[in-house]
Amino acid sequence: MNETNLYDYVMHCLTTLRYTRKQVAEGSGVPFSTVCKVAQKSVREPSVHTIQAMADFFRREAANQAANQAEEQKEAA
C-alpha cells in the first residue's frame, strides 16, 4: 500500500471506527497530541512512520475482532 492509500486508510479508520484518540495513541505508540493533529488534519504531511504505526494499530484491532468473532461462532455451534 502506498503512502497516500495508507493515509486515506488511517483517516477512514479515524472517522468511522469507534476508537478514542487516546486508544489509538496508546495502541499505536503515537503521541496523543499527534493523533489529534492527524485526526483534525492540522498536519499537512504527517510522517510515514506515524501513519504506518496508526495503520498497524487499526489492522491489529481488525484482526483481533475477526478472531474474537470466529471464536464466538465456534463456541455457539
PDB file of N, CA and C in Angstrom:
ATOM      1  N   MET A   1       0.864  -1.179   0.000  1.00  0.00           N
ATOM      2  CA  MET A   1       0.000   0.000   0.000  1.00  0.00           C
ATOM      3  C   MET A   1       0.899   1.228   0.000  1.00  0.00           C
ATOM      4  N   ASN A   2       0.625   2.167  -0.883  1.00  0.00           N
ATOM      5  CA  ASN A   2       1.487   3.350  -0.927  1.00  0.00           C
ATOM      6  C   ASN A   2       1.093   4.354   0.161  1.00  0.00           C
ATOM      7  N   GLU A   3       1.904   5.388   0.317  1.00  0.00           N
ATOM      8  CA  GLU A   3       1.700   6.353   1.399  1.00  0.00           C
ATOM      9  C   GLU A   3       0.335   7.023   1.349  1.00  0.00           C
ATOM     10  N   THR A   4      -0.120   7.405   0.156  1.00  0.00           N
ATOM     11  CA  THR A   4      -1.407   8.084   0.041  1.00  0.00           C
ATOM     12  C   THR A   4      -2.535   7.156   0.457  1.00  0.00           C
ATOM     13  N   ASN A   5      -2.502   5.923  -0.012  1.00  0.00           N
ATOM     14  CA  ASN A   5      -3.543   4.981   0.370  1.00  0.00           C
ATOM     15  C   ASN A   5      -3.508   4.677   1.855  1.00  0.00           C
ATOM     16  N   LEU A   6      -2.331   4.579   2.409  1.00  0.00           N
ATOM     17  CA  LEU A   6      -2.193   4.327   3.830  1.00  0.00           C
ATOM     18  C   LEU A   6      -2.764   5.489   4.640  1.00  0.00           C
ATOM     19  N   TYR A   7      -2.471   6.699   4.204  1.00  0.00           N
ATOM     20  CA  TYR A   7      -3.028   7.889   4.860  1.00  0.00           C
ATOM     21  C   TYR A   7      -4.554   7.873   4.779  1.00  0.00           C
ATOM     22  N   ASP A   8      -5.083   7.579   3.593  1.00  0.00           N
ATOM     23  CA  ASP A   8      -6.535   7.519   3.428  1.00  0.00           C
ATOM     24  C   ASP A   8      -7.153   6.449   4.323  1.00  0.00           C
ATOM     25  N   TYR A   9      -6.475   5.305   4.432  1.00  0.00           N
ATOM     26  CA  TYR A   9      -6.955   4.218   5.295  1.00  0.00           C
ATOM     27  C   TYR A   9      -7.019   4.690   6.749  1.00  0.00           C
ATOM     28  N   VAL A  10      -5.965   5.335   7.206  1.00  0.00           N
ATOM     29  CA  VAL A  10      -5.928   5.825   8.589  1.00  0.00           C
ATOM     30  C   VAL A  10      -7.023   6.864   8.814  1.00  0.00           C
ATOM     31  N   MET A  11      -7.184   7.781   7.887  1.00  0.00           N
ATOM     32  CA  MET A  11      -8.218   8.809   8.050  1.00  0.00           C
ATOM     33  C   MET A  11      -9.607   8.181   8.060  1.00  0.00           C
ATOM     34  N   HIS A  12      -9.816   7.186   7.216  1.00  0.00           N
ATOM     35  CA  HIS A  12     -11.104   6.484   7.191  1.00  0.00           C
ATOM     36  C   HIS A  12     -11.360   5.822   8.548  1.00  0.00           C
ATOM     37  N   CYS A  13     -10.357   5.145   9.071  1.00  0.00           N
ATOM     38  CA  CYS A  13     -10.498   4.479  10.368  1.00  0.00           C
ATOM     39  C   CYS A  13     -10.755   5.480  11.491  1.00  0.00           C
ATOM     40  N   LEU A  14     -10.045   6.593  11.460  1.00  0.00           N
ATOM     41  CA  LEU A  14     -10.227   7.613  12.498  1.00  0.00           C
ATOM     42  C   LEU A  14     -11.635   8.180  12.494  1.00  0.00           C
ATOM     43  N   THR A  15     -12.247   8.273  11.320  1.00  0.00           N
ATOM     44  CA  THR A  15     -13.562   8.901  11.240  1.00  0.00           C
ATOM     45  C   THR A  15     -14.719   7.914  11.343  1.00  0.00           C
ATOM     46  N   THR A  16     -14.467   6.631  11.065  1.00  0.00           N
ATOM     47  CA  THR A  16     -15.591   5.687  11.049  1.00  0.00           C
ATOM     48  C   THR A  16     -15.580   4.676  12.190  1.00  0.00           C
ATOM     49  N   LEU A  17     -14.417   4.353  12.712  1.00  0.00           N
ATOM     50  CA  LEU A  17     -14.354   3.360  13.778  1.00  0.00           C
ATOM     51  C   LEU A  17     -14.502   4.027  15.137  1.00  0.00           C
ATOM     52  N   ARG A  18     -14.937   3.262  16.077  1.00  0.00           N
ATOM     53  CA  ARG A  18     -15.228   3.823  17.396  1.00  0.00           C
ATOM     54  C   ARG A  18     -14.081   3.629  18.380  1.00  0.00           C
ATOM     55  N   TYR A  19     -12.972   4.215  18.033  1.00  0.00           N
ATOM     56  CA  TYR A  19     -11.823   4.229  18.939  1.00  0.00           C
ATOM     57  C   TYR A  19     -11.593   5.670  19.339  1.00  0.00           C
ATOM     58  N   THR A  20     -11.301   5.859  20.619  1.00  0.00           N
ATOM     59  CA  THR A  20     -10.970   7.213  21.049  1.00  0.00           C
ATOM     60  C   THR A  20      -9.559   7.530  20.575  1.00  0.00           C
ATOM     61  N   ARG A  21      -9.253   8.765  20.527  1.00  0.00           N
ATOM     62  CA  ARG A  21      -7.898   9.170  20.140  1.00  0.00           C
ATOM     63  C   ARG A  21      -6.882   8.658  21.154  1.00  0.00           C
ATOM     64  N   LYS A  22      -7.302   8.585  22.392  1.00  0.00           N
ATOM     65  CA  LYS A  22      -6.426   8.049  23.430  1.00  0.00           C
ATOM     66  C   LYS A  22      -6.128   6.577  23.168  1.00  0.00           C
ATOM     67  N   GLN A  23      -7.140   5.806  22.779  1.00  0.00           N
ATOM     68  CA  GLN A  23      -6.927   4.393  22.462  1.00  0.00           C
ATOM     69  C   GLN A  23      -5.980   4.230  21.279  1.00  0.00           C
ATOM     70  N   VAL A  24      -6.175   5.059  20.262  1.00  0.00           N
ATOM     71  CA  VAL A  24      -5.298   4.995  19.088  1.00  0.00           C
ATOM     72  C   VAL A  24      -3.870   5.336  19.495  1.00  0.00           C
ATOM     73  N   ALA A  25      -3.714   6.361  20.307  1.00  0.00           N
ATOM     74  CA  ALA A  25      -2.372   6.764  20.745  1.00  0.00           C
ATOM     75  C   ALA A  25      -1.710   5.649  21.550  1.00  0.00           C
ATOM     76  N   GLU A  26      -2.418   5.099  22.505  1.00  0.00           N
ATOM     77  CA  GLU A  26      -1.835   4.048  23.339  1.00  0.00           C
ATOM     78  C   GLU A  26      -1.541   2.788  22.528  1.00  0.00           C
ATOM     79  N   GLY A  27      -2.438   2.438  21.617  1.00  0.00           N
ATOM     80  CA  GLY A  27      -2.273   1.222  20.843  1.00  0.00           C
ATOM     81  C   GLY A  27      -1.234   1.318  19.743  1.00  0.00           C
ATOM     82  N   SER A  28      -1.012   2.524  19.264  1.00  0.00           N
ATOM     83  CA  SER A  28      -0.074   2.706  18.151  1.00  0.00           C
ATOM     84  C   SER A  28       1.300   3.189  18.597  1.00  0.00           C
ATOM     85  N   GLY A  29       1.369   3.752  19.795  1.00  0.00           N
ATOM     86  CA  GLY A  29       2.619   4.330  20.258  1.00  0.00           C
ATOM     87  C   GLY A  29       2.862   5.731  19.734  1.00  0.00           C
ATOM     88  N   VAL A  30       1.873   6.280  19.053  1.00  0.00           N
ATOM     89  CA  VAL A  30       1.969   7.647  18.530  1.00  0.00           C
ATOM     90  C   VAL A  30       1.487   8.591  19.639  1.00  0.00           C
ATOM     91  N   PRO A  31       2.191   9.667  19.898  1.00  0.00           N
ATOM     92  CA  PRO A  31       1.739  10.589  20.946  1.00  0.00           C
ATOM     93  C   PRO A  31       0.299  11.056  20.722  1.00  0.00           C
ATOM     94  N   PHE A  32      -0.423  11.200  21.825  1.00  0.00           N
ATOM     95  CA  PHE A  32      -1.817  11.628  21.775  1.00  0.00           C
ATOM     96  C   PHE A  32      -1.983  12.916  20.981  1.00  0.00           C
ATOM     97  N   SER A  33      -1.107  13.882  21.220  1.00  0.00           N
ATOM     98  CA  SER A  33      -1.230  15.172  20.528  1.00  0.00           C
ATOM     99  C   SER A  33      -1.071  14.997  19.019  1.00  0.00           C
ATOM    100  N   THR A  34      -0.219  14.073  18.605  1.00  0.00           N
ATOM    101  CA  THR A  34      -0.024  13.827  17.172  1.00  0.00           C
ATOM    102  C   THR A  34      -1.255  13.160  16.573  1.00  0.00           C
ATOM    103  N   VAL A  35      -1.826  12.199  17.295  1.00  0.00           N
ATOM    104  CA  VAL A  35      -3.053  11.553  16.820  1.00  0.00           C
ATOM    105  C   VAL A  35      -4.140  12.605  16.626  1.00  0.00           C
ATOM    106  N   CYS A  36      -4.264  13.516  17.580  1.00  0.00           N
ATOM    107  CA  CYS A  36      -5.270  14.580  17.477  1.00  0.00           C
ATOM    108  C   CYS A  36      -5.017  15.464  16.262  1.00  0.00           C
ATOM    109  N   LYS A  37      -3.768  15.826  16.044  1.00  0.00           N
ATOM    110  CA  LYS A  37      -3.439  16.693  14.905  1.00  0.00           C
ATOM    111  C   LYS A  37      -3.717  15.995  13.581  1.00  0.00           C
ATOM    112  N   VAL A  38      -3.393  14.717  13.493  1.00  0.00           N
ATOM    113  CA  VAL A  38      -3.674  13.971  12.262  1.00  0.00           C
ATOM    114  C   VAL A  38      -5.184  13.884  12.056  1.00  0.00           C
ATOM    115  N   ALA A  39      -5.925  13.554  13.107  1.00  0.00           N
ATOM    116  CA  ALA A  39      -7.382  13.414  13.008  1.00  0.00           C
ATOM    117  C   ALA A  39      -8.052  14.724  12.602  1.00  0.00           C
ATOM    118  N   GLN A  40      -7.504  15.838  13.066  1.00  0.00           N
ATOM    119  CA  GLN A  40      -8.069  17.150  12.747  1.00  0.00           C
ATOM    120  C   GLN A  40      -7.523  17.710  11.434  1.00  0.00           C
ATOM    121  N   LYS A  41      -6.643  16.960  10.815  1.00  0.00           N
ATOM    122  CA  LYS A  41      -5.996  17.366   9.566  1.00  0.00           C
ATOM    123  C   LYS A  41      -5.230  18.681   9.711  1.00  0.00           C
ATOM    124  N   SER A  42      -4.698  18.907  10.901  1.00  0.00           N
ATOM    125  CA  SER A  42      -3.918  20.128  11.098  1.00  0.00           C
ATOM    126  C   SER A  42      -2.434  19.904  10.781  1.00  0.00           C
ATOM    127  N   VAL A  43      -2.067  18.681  10.452  1.00  0.00           N
ATOM    128  CA  VAL A  43      -0.719  18.365   9.995  1.00  0.00           C
ATOM    129  C   VAL A  43      -0.825  18.099   8.501  1.00  0.00           C
ATOM    130  N   ARG A  44      -0.141  18.877   7.710  1.00  0.00           N
ATOM    131  CA  ARG A  44      -0.253  18.730   6.258  1.00  0.00           C
ATOM    132  C   ARG A  44       0.347  17.433   5.746  1.00  0.00           C
ATOM    133  N   GLU A  45       1.494  17.078   6.273  1.00  0.00           N
ATOM    134  CA  GLU A  45       2.173  15.863   5.828  1.00  0.00           C
ATOM    135  C   GLU A  45       2.737  15.115   7.030  1.00  0.00           C
ATOM    136  N   PRO A  46       1.887  14.303   7.681  1.00  0.00           N
ATOM    137  CA  PRO A  46       2.411  13.535   8.814  1.00  0.00           C
ATOM    138  C   PRO A  46       3.475  12.551   8.332  1.00  0.00           C
ATOM    139  N   SER A  47       4.373  12.185   9.200  1.00  0.00           N
ATOM    140  CA  SER A  47       5.460  11.291   8.796  1.00  0.00           C
ATOM    141  C   SER A  47       4.914   9.917   8.432  1.00  0.00           C
ATOM    142  N   VAL A  48       5.646   9.258   7.574  1.00  0.00           N
ATOM    143  CA  VAL A  48       5.272   7.906   7.158  1.00  0.00           C
ATOM    144  C   VAL A  48       5.259   6.994   8.376  1.00  0.00           C
ATOM    145  N   HIS A  49       6.191   7.190   9.289  1.00  0.00           N
ATOM    146  CA  HIS A  49       6.264   6.346  10.485  1.00  0.00           C
ATOM    147  C   HIS A  49       5.013   6.516  11.356  1.00  0.00           C
ATOM    148  N   THR A  50       4.532   7.721  11.462  1.00  0.00           N
ATOM    149  CA  THR A  50       3.322   7.986  12.244  1.00  0.00           C
ATOM    150  C   THR A  50       2.128   7.293  11.620  1.00  0.00           C
ATOM    151  N   ILE A  51       1.940   7.488  10.328  1.00  0.00           N
ATOM    152  CA  ILE A  51       0.801   6.889   9.633  1.00  0.00           C
ATOM    153  C   ILE A  51       0.900   5.371   9.654  1.00  0.00           C
ATOM    154  N   GLN A  52       2.104   4.844   9.482  1.00  0.00           N
ATOM    155  CA  GLN A  52       2.289   3.384   9.499  1.00  0.00           C
ATOM    156  C   GLN A  52       1.931   2.809  10.865  1.00  0.00           C
ATOM    157  N   ALA A  53       2.356   3.461  11.925  1.00  0.00           N
ATOM    158  CA  ALA A  53       2.053   2.983  13.272  1.00  0.00           C
ATOM    159  C   ALA A  53       0.553   2.992  13.533  1.00  0.00           C
ATOM    160  N   MET A  54      -0.117   4.031  13.074  1.00  0.00           N
ATOM    161  CA  MET A  54      -1.566   4.108  13.270  1.00  0.00           C
ATOM    162  C   MET A  54      -2.278   3.051  12.420  1.00  0.00           C
ATOM    163  N   ALA A  55      -1.836   2.858  11.194  1.00  0.00           N
ATOM    164  CA  ALA A  55      -2.431   1.844  10.324  1.00  0.00           C
ATOM    165  C   ALA A  55      -2.229   0.456  10.925  1.00  0.00           C
ATOM    166  N   ASP A  56      -1.047   0.198  11.451  1.00  0.00           N
ATOM    167  CA  ASP A  56      -0.777  -1.094  12.085  1.00  0.00           C
ATOM    168  C   ASP A  56      -1.717  -1.331  13.259  1.00  0.00           C
ATOM    169  N   PHE A  57      -1.975  -0.302  14.027  1.00  0.00           N
ATOM    170  CA  PHE A  57      -2.911  -0.414  15.147  1.00  0.00           C
ATOM    171  C   PHE A  57      -4.297  -0.815  14.645  1.00  0.00           C
ATOM    172  N   PHE A  58      -4.800  -0.115  13.638  1.00  0.00           N
ATOM    173  CA  PHE A  58      -6.136  -0.426  13.130  1.00  0.00           C
ATOM    174  C   PHE A  58      -6.199  -1.831  12.538  1.00  0.00           C
ATOM    175  N   ARG A  59      -5.153  -2.259  11.874  1.00  0.00           N
ATOM    176  CA  ARG A  59      -5.119  -3.613  11.308  1.00  0.00           C
ATOM    177  C   ARG A  59      -5.101  -4.672  12.410  1.00  0.00           C
ATOM    178  N   ARG A  60      -4.305  -4.432  13.448  1.00  0.00           N
ATOM    179  CA  ARG A  60      -4.276  -5.380  14.576  1.00  0.00           C
ATOM    180  C   ARG A  60      -5.644  -5.481  15.232  1.00  0.00           C
ATOM    181  N   GLU A  61      -6.278  -4.352  15.420  1.00  0.00           N
ATOM    182  CA  GLU A  61      -7.598  -4.350  16.041  1.00  0.00           C
ATOM    183  C   GLU A  61      -8.612  -5.090  15.175  1.00  0.00           C
ATOM    184  N   ALA A  62      -8.550  -4.892  13.871  1.00  0.00           N
ATOM    185  CA  ALA A  62      -9.463  -5.589  12.957  1.00  0.00           C
ATOM    186  C   ALA A  62      -9.220  -7.095  13.021  1.00  0.00           C
ATOM    187  N   ALA A  63      -7.965  -7.506  13.059  1.00  0.00           N
ATOM    188  CA  ALA A  63      -7.631  -8.930  13.142  1.00  0.00           C
ATOM    189  C   ALA A  63      -8.107  -9.514  14.471  1.00  0.00           C
ATOM    190  N   ASN A  64      -7.937  -8.776  15.556  1.00  0.00           N
ATOM    191  CA  ASN A  64      -8.402  -9.238  16.866  1.00  0.00           C
ATOM    192  C   ASN A  64      -9.919  -9.393  16.893  1.00  0.00           C
ATOM    193  N   GLN A  65     -10.623  -8.446  16.307  1.00  0.00           N
ATOM    194  CA  GLN A  65     -12.077  -8.520  16.268  1.00  0.00           C
ATOM    195  C   GLN A  65     -12.534  -9.712  15.443  1.00  0.00           C
ATOM    196  N   ALA A  66     -11.888  -9.948  14.317  1.00  0.00           N
ATOM    197  CA  ALA A  66     -12.236 -11.087  13.471  1.00  0.00           C
ATOM    198  C   ALA A  66     -11.988 -12.400  14.205  1.00  0.00           C
ATOM    199  N   ALA A  67     -10.879 -12.482  14.918  1.00  0.00           N
ATOM    200  CA  ALA A  67     -10.569 -13.692  15.684  1.00  0.00           C
ATOM    201  C   ALA A  67     -11.585 -13.913  16.796  1.00  0.00           C
ATOM    202  N   ASN A  68     -11.976 -12.850  17.461  1.00  0.00           N
ATOM    203  CA  ASN A  68     -12.978 -12.953  18.529  1.00  0.00           C
ATOM    204  C   ASN A  68     -14.323 -13.401  17.986  1.00  0.00           C
ATOM    205  N   GLN A  69     -14.713 -12.864  16.834  1.00  0.00           N
ATOM    206  CA  GLN A  69     -15.980 -13.263  16.225  1.00  0.00           C
ATOM    207  C   GLN A  69     -15.951 -14.722  15.807  1.00  0.00           C
ATOM    208  N   ALA A  70     -14.841 -15.166  15.257  1.00  0.00           N
ATOM    209  CA  ALA A  70     -14.706 -16.562  14.852  1.00  0.00           C
ATOM    210  C   ALA A  70     -14.795 -17.480  16.063  1.00  0.00           C
ATOM    211  N   GLU A  71     -14.172 -17.087  17.150  1.00  0.00           N
ATOM    212  CA  GLU A  71     -14.216 -17.877  18.386  1.00  0.00           C
ATOM    213  C   GLU A  71     -15.631 -17.940  18.942  1.00  0.00           C
ATOM    214  N   GLU A  72     -16.337 -16.824  18.906  1.00  0.00           N
ATOM    215  CA  GLU A  72     -17.716 -16.793  19.398  1.00  0.00           C
ATOM    216  C   GLU A  72     -18.611 -17.688  18.552  1.00  0.00           C
ATOM    217  N   GLN A  73     -18.413 -17.670  17.245  1.00  0.00           N
ATOM    218  CA  GLN A  73     -19.210 -18.521  16.355  1.00  0.00           C
ATOM    219  C   GLN A  73     -18.906 -19.990  16.592  1.00  0.00           C
ATOM    220  N   LYS A  74     -17.640 -20.277  16.844  1.00  0.00           N
ATOM    221  CA  LYS A  74     -17.210 -21.646  17.103  1.00  0.00           C
ATOM    222  C   LYS A  74     -17.869 -22.169  18.393  1.00  0.00           C
ATOM    223  N   GLU A  75     -17.899 -21.322  19.417  1.00  0.00           N
ATOM    224  CA  GLU A  75     -18.495 -21.710  20.697  1.00  0.00           C
ATOM    225  C   GLU A  75     -20.002 -21.856  20.587  1.00  0.00           C
ATOM    226  N   ALA A  76     -20.636 -21.061  19.732  1.00  0.00           N
ATOM    227  CA  ALA A  76     -22.089 -21.121  19.587  1.00  0.00           C
ATOM    228  C   ALA A  76     -22.530 -22.373  18.820  1.00  0.00           C
ATOM    229  N   ALA A  77     -21.645 -22.939  18.029  1.00  0.00           N
ATOM    230  CA  ALA A  77     -22.008 -24.100  17.209  1.00  0.00           C
ATOM    231  C   ALA A  77     -21.995 -25.390  17.982  1.00  0.00           C
TER     232      ALA A  77
END
